[in-house]
Amino acid sequence: MSGPEMDLGTRSDTSRAVAFSDAIFAIIITLLVLDLRVPDVPPGRLLSGLLHQWPSYVAYLASYSYVAVVWLNHKAAFNRIQQADRGLHWRNLFVLFTTALLPFPTIVVSHALQEHDNADQRVAIAFYALIGALLCATWLAFYHYLARHPDLLKEQVKDAFFRVERLRALAGVVLYVLAGVVGYLVAPLVGLAIFLLLPVFYAVTSAGLYQFPMTRRITHRPPPPSG
């Protein structure tokens, strides 16, 4: 049986994967906003009730920003993919699975911060960091698969692109773990601040680290002469 015939059941274009993923991202963002509610306060206390819910707004901002950069990264990755095989579909599903978890730790952090219990706040921040690190780990697997299967990519995509992208995902794993440790051992609000800053890094680099001249110079640096 020929190679192309073998590929008929395992390879396809990316249109259905992209459409399915976009629908999942839209649902996730919708779920995030459900924790924003009108406060249950007596007449005349609406302003104080809204201000008391500030943790909900910060948690929503952190998670919305995270989902937004996940979508940007997903779009940038699939713009470079010509075909998807079964292995790539599974890794894409893992990315969607971990992204879909985000509304849960978002609500946990929001409620813990509003209850003013320090122990619960530390656990909530550590829990959010765990989900964030897990999501970055699925991206690491996604990028690693593409780095190992350049035949799935469009012809104009540089071979080094997804090898370099693994560094972004690995940095996310490390930084979310660091935020969880700092939030648990030092101060929950410090961990929350790191959660707000991390999407900024991923937004700036959403087109890929390979787009930066310094990264290309390091990637293309010739090996040192052998002695």
Protein backbone atom coordinates (compact mmCIF):
# COMPACT_ATOMS: atom_id res chain seq x y z
CA MET A 1 0.00 0.00 0.00
CA SER A 2 1.44 3.38 -1.00
CA GLY A 3 2.43 6.13 1.40
CA PRO A 4 -0.16 8.69 0.24
CA GLU A 5 -2.90 6.08 0.48
CA MET A 6 -1.82 5.27 4.03
CA ASP A 7 -2.09 9.00 4.89
CA LEU A 8 -5.74 9.31 3.79
CA GLY A 9 -7.10 8.24 7.18
CA THR A 10 -4.50 9.96 9.34
CA ARG A 11 -3.82 13.34 7.69
CA SER A 12 -6.11 16.21 6.83
CA ASP A 13 -6.06 19.94 6.33
CA THR A 14 -6.26 22.10 9.43
CA SER A 15 -9.57 23.87 8.77
CA ARG A 16 -11.73 21.64 11.00
CA ALA A 17 -9.19 21.64 13.82
CA VAL A 18 -8.98 25.45 13.73
CA ALA A 19 -12.78 25.88 13.63
CA PHE A 20 -13.29 23.43 16.50
CA SER A 21 -10.55 25.10 18.56
CA ASP A 22 -11.95 28.60 17.99
CA ALA A 23 -15.36 27.43 19.19
CA ILE A 24 -13.81 26.00 22.36
CA PHE A 25 -11.92 29.23 23.05
CA ALA A 26 -15.14 31.23 22.63
CA ILE A 27 -16.95 28.99 25.12
CA ILE A 28 -14.09 29.26 27.64
CA ILE A 29 -14.09 33.07 27.50
CA THR A 30 -17.87 33.07 27.96
CA LEU A 31 -17.57 30.85 31.03
CA LEU A 32 -14.99 33.19 32.58
CA VAL A 33 -17.44 36.08 32.74
CA LEU A 34 -20.08 34.04 34.60
CA ASP A 35 -18.31 34.67 37.93
CA LEU A 36 -18.94 38.42 37.58
CA ARG A 37 -22.24 39.01 39.37
CA VAL A 38 -24.28 41.86 40.78
CA PRO A 39 -23.37 42.00 44.50
CA ASP A 40 -26.05 41.05 47.01
CA VAL A 41 -26.03 44.20 49.11
CA PRO A 42 -28.68 46.43 50.77
CA PRO A 43 -29.87 49.57 48.94
CA GLY A 44 -27.27 52.32 48.90
CA ARG A 45 -24.32 49.91 49.22
CA LEU A 46 -23.90 48.99 45.55
CA LEU A 47 -20.61 50.84 45.12
CA SER A 48 -19.00 49.21 48.14
CA GLY A 49 -20.33 45.84 46.99
CA LEU A 50 -18.81 46.28 43.54
CA LEU A 51 -15.49 47.37 45.03
CA HIS A 52 -15.51 44.39 47.39
CA GLN A 53 -15.57 42.11 44.34
CA TRP A 54 -12.21 43.40 43.04
CA PRO A 55 -10.64 39.89 43.21
CA SER A 56 -13.21 38.71 40.66
CA TYR A 57 -12.17 41.45 38.26
CA VAL A 58 -8.44 40.76 38.66
CA ALA A 59 -8.89 36.99 38.30
CA TYR A 60 -11.06 37.53 35.22
CA LEU A 61 -8.43 39.84 33.70
CA ALA A 62 -5.63 37.33 34.34
CA SER A 63 -7.55 34.42 32.84
CA TYR A 64 -9.04 36.36 29.93
CA SER A 65 -5.55 37.60 29.02
CA TYR A 66 -4.23 34.05 29.26
CA VAL A 67 -6.95 32.64 26.99
CA ALA A 68 -6.41 35.52 24.57
CA VAL A 69 -2.71 34.79 24.18
CA VAL A 70 -3.44 31.06 23.91
CA TRP A 71 -5.71 31.90 20.98
CA LEU A 72 -3.04 34.14 19.43
CA ASN A 73 -0.40 31.43 19.83
CA HIS A 74 -2.78 28.82 18.44
CA LYS A 75 -3.51 31.02 15.41
CA ALA A 76 0.20 31.69 14.83
CA ALA A 77 1.02 27.98 15.04
CA PHE A 78 -1.72 26.78 12.69
CA ASN A 79 -0.87 29.50 10.15
CA ARG A 80 2.39 27.58 9.71
CA ILE A 81 0.88 24.08 9.54
CA GLN A 82 0.02 22.55 6.19
CA GLN A 83 -1.50 19.28 7.41
CA ALA A 84 -2.49 17.73 10.72
CA ASP A 85 -2.07 14.08 11.57
CA ARG A 86 -3.49 12.05 14.42
CA GLY A 87 -0.63 12.85 16.77
CA LEU A 88 -1.00 16.59 16.24
CA HIS A 89 -4.77 16.40 16.71
CA TRP A 90 -4.27 14.72 20.09
CA ARG A 91 -1.77 17.35 21.20
CA ASN A 92 -4.15 20.08 20.10
CA LEU A 93 -6.90 18.43 22.14
CA PHE A 94 -4.62 18.40 25.19
CA VAL A 95 -4.03 22.16 24.75
CA LEU A 96 -7.80 22.71 24.56
CA PHE A 97 -8.37 20.45 27.58
CA THR A 98 -6.05 22.41 29.83
CA THR A 99 -7.30 25.76 28.53
CA ALA A 100 -10.87 24.69 29.32
CA LEU A 101 -9.83 24.14 32.94
CA LEU A 102 -9.02 27.84 33.45
CA PRO A 103 -12.50 29.02 34.53
CA PHE A 104 -12.35 26.70 37.55
CA PRO A 105 -9.13 28.01 39.19
CA THR A 106 -10.24 31.53 38.25
CA ILE A 107 -13.36 31.14 40.39
CA VAL A 108 -11.34 29.49 43.16
CA VAL A 109 -8.89 32.42 43.30
CA SER A 110 -11.69 34.99 43.15
CA HIS A 111 -13.64 33.44 46.02
CA ALA A 112 -10.56 32.80 48.18
CA LEU A 113 -9.40 36.41 47.91
CA GLN A 114 -12.85 37.73 48.80
CA GLU A 115 -13.05 35.53 51.91
CA HIS A 116 -9.80 36.98 53.31
CA ASP A 117 -8.52 33.63 54.61
CA ASN A 118 -4.76 33.62 54.06
CA ALA A 119 -4.39 29.85 54.03
CA ASP A 120 -7.13 29.44 51.41
CA GLN A 121 -5.64 32.25 49.33
CA ARG A 122 -2.26 30.52 49.25
CA VAL A 123 -3.84 27.24 48.16
CA ALA A 124 -5.92 29.02 45.49
CA ILE A 125 -2.88 30.75 44.00
CA ALA A 126 -0.92 27.48 43.99
CA PHE A 127 -3.84 25.74 42.30
CA TYR A 128 -4.08 28.40 39.59
CA ALA A 129 -0.31 28.14 39.04
CA LEU A 130 -0.61 24.35 38.67
CA ILE A 131 -3.21 24.71 35.91
CA GLY A 132 -1.16 27.44 34.22
CA ALA A 133 1.98 25.30 34.27
CA LEU A 134 0.02 22.31 32.97
CA LEU A 135 -1.28 24.39 30.06
CA CYS A 136 2.27 25.49 29.20
CA ALA A 137 3.37 21.84 29.38
CA THR A 138 0.76 20.88 26.77
CA TRP A 139 2.07 23.65 24.53
CA LEU A 140 5.56 22.25 25.03
CA ALA A 141 4.35 18.86 23.79
CA PHE A 142 2.55 20.56 20.87
CA TYR A 143 5.64 22.48 19.77
CA HIS A 144 7.91 19.48 20.29
CA TYR A 145 5.73 17.36 18.02
CA LEU A 146 5.88 19.97 15.25
CA ALA A 147 9.64 20.32 15.68
CA ARG A 148 9.94 16.55 15.20
CA HIS A 149 7.54 16.46 12.21
CA PRO A 150 8.55 19.24 9.80
CA ASP A 151 6.68 17.40 7.02
CA LEU A 152 3.45 18.77 8.53
CA LEU A 153 4.56 22.37 8.06
CA LYS A 154 4.26 24.74 5.14
CA GLU A 155 7.30 24.92 2.91
CA GLN A 156 8.26 28.48 3.86
CA VAL A 157 8.41 27.73 7.60
CA LYS A 158 11.93 27.61 8.97
CA ASP A 159 12.96 24.29 10.49
CA ALA A 160 14.13 26.05 13.66
CA PHE A 161 10.84 27.88 14.32
CA PHE A 162 9.09 25.31 16.50
CA ARG A 163 12.35 24.18 18.11
CA VAL A 164 12.70 27.74 19.42
CA GLU A 165 9.03 27.89 20.42
CA ARG A 166 9.65 25.10 22.89
CA LEU A 167 11.66 27.61 24.92
CA ARG A 168 8.59 29.85 25.31
CA ALA A 169 6.50 26.97 26.57
CA LEU A 170 9.24 25.77 28.93
CA ALA A 171 9.64 29.31 30.29
CA GLY A 172 5.90 29.34 31.01
CA VAL A 173 6.10 26.10 32.98
CA VAL A 174 8.95 27.49 35.07
CA LEU A 175 7.37 30.90 35.62
CA TYR A 176 3.95 29.56 36.62
CA VAL A 177 5.58 27.15 39.06
CA LEU A 178 7.61 30.08 40.43
CA ALA A 179 4.44 32.18 40.78
CA GLY A 180 2.75 29.34 42.65
CA VAL A 181 5.68 28.88 45.02
CA VAL A 182 5.96 32.63 45.69
CA GLY A 183 2.20 32.96 46.13
CA TYR A 184 2.07 30.03 48.54
CA LEU A 185 5.21 30.71 50.57
CA VAL A 186 5.50 34.51 50.44
CA ALA A 187 2.30 36.38 49.55
CA PRO A 188 -0.72 35.37 47.44
CA LEU A 189 -0.99 38.83 45.86
CA VAL A 190 2.58 38.58 44.55
CA GLY A 191 1.68 35.35 42.79
CA LEU A 192 -1.44 37.01 41.40
CA ALA A 193 0.67 39.89 40.06
CA ILE A 194 2.89 37.40 38.23
CA PHE A 195 -0.23 35.82 36.70
CA LEU A 196 -1.14 39.24 35.30
CA LEU A 197 2.34 39.82 33.87
CA LEU A 198 2.86 36.46 32.17
CA PRO A 199 0.24 36.98 29.43
CA VAL A 200 2.03 40.23 28.51
CA PHE A 201 5.18 38.23 27.71
CA TYR A 202 3.21 35.74 25.62
CA ALA A 203 1.32 38.52 23.83
CA VAL A 204 4.55 40.27 22.85
CA THR A 205 6.05 37.01 21.60
CA SER A 206 2.84 35.54 20.09
CA ALA A 207 4.33 35.61 16.59
CA GLY A 208 7.17 33.42 17.87
CA LEU A 209 10.56 33.96 19.45
CA TYR A 210 12.08 33.18 16.06
CA GLN A 211 10.80 36.54 14.79
CA PHE A 212 13.29 38.36 17.02
CA PRO A 213 16.68 39.02 15.37
CA MET A 214 18.64 37.98 18.47
CA THR A 215 16.92 34.59 18.51
CA ARG A 216 17.67 34.02 14.81
CA ARG A 217 21.32 34.91 15.35
CA ILE A 218 21.62 32.46 18.24
CA THR A 219 19.81 29.73 16.26
CA HIS A 220 22.02 30.19 13.20
CA ARG A 221 25.28 30.63 15.13
CA PRO A 222 27.89 28.34 13.54
CA PRO A 223 29.33 25.62 15.76
CA PRO A 224 32.72 26.34 17.33
CA PRO A 225 35.67 24.93 15.36
CA SER A 226 36.78 21.56 16.55
CA GLY A 227 40.16 21.34 18.16
